[in-house]
Amino acid sequence: MSDRKVPRSKEDLKKFRDEVVHQFHVISEDVISQVKQVAEGVANVDEKLDRRFNELRTEIQETRQEVLAAVMRDYGVSPALFIDVICKQ
């Protein structure tokens, strides 16, 4: 059987109800705290992804410019012609 006493009076029922409500508040505060921690973690990951995405975008743009310059230098092709030919493929 359970260790809890069976409520016998209205006062016992009120105390039991108050205890349940108190436990609910304690548990819900903990859950809210954990949800806030998860939200902070998600925000941190989002910031890291944004930074990395911007770094990669910059690297791609720089590499693209280097390739374009090398093609122009080696083959004497204008950037507009090179881009036009590449885009049509």
Protein backbone atom coordinates (compact mmCIF):
# COMPACT_ATOMS: atom_id res chain seq x y z
CA MET A 1 0.00 0.00 0.00
CA SER A 2 0.90 3.65 -0.26
CA ASP A 3 2.76 5.57 2.44
CA ARG A 4 0.31 8.44 2.13
CA LYS A 5 -2.56 8.83 4.52
CA VAL A 6 -6.03 8.66 3.11
CA PRO A 7 -7.62 12.12 3.54
CA ARG A 8 -10.34 11.91 6.19
CA SER A 9 -11.65 15.45 6.39
CA LYS A 10 -12.08 18.59 4.34
CA GLU A 11 -9.00 20.00 6.03
CA ASP A 12 -6.99 16.92 5.04
CA LEU A 13 -8.25 17.24 1.47
CA LYS A 14 -7.27 20.93 1.41
CA LYS A 15 -3.79 20.11 2.72
CA PHE A 16 -3.45 17.34 0.15
CA ARG A 17 -4.60 19.68 -2.63
CA ASP A 18 -2.17 22.38 -1.46
CA GLU A 19 0.65 19.84 -1.43
CA VAL A 20 -0.18 18.71 -4.98
CA VAL A 21 -0.37 22.32 -6.19
CA HIS A 22 2.96 23.11 -4.52
CA GLN A 23 4.62 20.09 -6.14
CA PHE A 24 3.15 21.09 -9.49
CA HIS A 25 4.63 24.58 -9.13
CA VAL A 26 8.05 23.20 -8.19
CA ILE A 27 8.05 20.81 -11.13
CA SER A 28 6.73 23.40 -13.59
CA GLU A 29 9.39 25.93 -12.52
CA ASP A 30 12.07 23.30 -13.19
CA VAL A 31 10.59 22.49 -16.59
CA ILE A 32 10.45 26.20 -17.48
CA SER A 33 14.08 26.57 -16.43
CA GLN A 34 15.11 23.64 -18.61
CA VAL A 35 13.15 24.99 -21.57
CA LYS A 36 14.93 28.34 -21.19
CA GLN A 37 18.29 26.55 -21.20
CA VAL A 38 17.36 24.69 -24.37
CA ALA A 39 16.21 27.95 -25.99
CA GLU A 40 19.54 29.59 -25.12
CA GLY A 41 21.39 26.63 -26.61
CA VAL A 42 19.34 26.85 -29.79
CA ALA A 43 20.06 30.59 -30.04
CA ASN A 44 23.80 29.91 -29.63
CA VAL A 45 23.79 27.23 -32.32
CA ASP A 46 21.81 29.54 -34.61
CA GLU A 47 24.40 32.30 -34.16
CA LYS A 48 27.26 29.86 -34.85
CA LEU A 49 25.53 28.60 -38.00
CA ASP A 50 24.95 32.16 -39.21
CA ARG A 51 28.62 33.02 -38.66
CA ARG A 52 29.80 29.87 -40.42
CA PHE A 53 27.37 30.42 -43.30
CA ASN A 54 28.70 33.95 -43.78
CA GLU A 55 32.30 32.71 -43.62
CA LEU A 56 31.56 30.07 -46.25
CA ARG A 57 29.77 32.59 -48.46
CA THR A 58 32.81 34.87 -48.29
CA GLU A 59 35.18 31.99 -49.07
CA ILE A 60 33.07 30.94 -52.06
CA GLN A 61 32.95 34.49 -53.40
CA GLU A 62 36.71 34.87 -53.02
CA THR A 63 37.36 31.52 -54.71
CA ARG A 64 34.97 32.40 -57.50
CA GLN A 65 36.84 35.65 -58.12
CA GLU A 66 40.17 33.82 -58.13
CA VAL A 67 38.91 31.24 -60.64
CA LEU A 68 37.41 33.94 -62.83
CA ALA A 69 40.68 35.92 -62.78
CA ALA A 70 42.69 32.77 -63.64
CA VAL A 71 40.41 31.92 -66.58
CA MET A 72 40.58 35.46 -67.86
CA ARG A 73 44.37 35.49 -67.54
CA ASP A 74 45.01 32.03 -68.98
CA TYR A 75 42.43 32.03 -71.76
CA GLY A 76 41.97 35.73 -72.43
CA VAL A 77 38.23 35.43 -71.93
CA SER A 78 36.17 38.36 -70.70
CA PRO A 79 34.21 37.86 -67.48
CA ALA A 80 30.89 38.49 -69.23
CA LEU A 81 31.60 35.88 -71.93
CA PHE A 82 32.83 33.37 -69.36
CA ILE A 83 29.73 33.80 -67.19
CA ASP A 84 27.44 33.70 -70.23
CA VAL A 85 28.96 30.41 -71.43
CA ILE A 86 28.92 28.82 -67.97
CA CYS A 87 25.30 29.85 -67.28
CA LYS A 88 24.03 28.37 -70.57
CA GLN A 89 25.34 24.90 -69.74
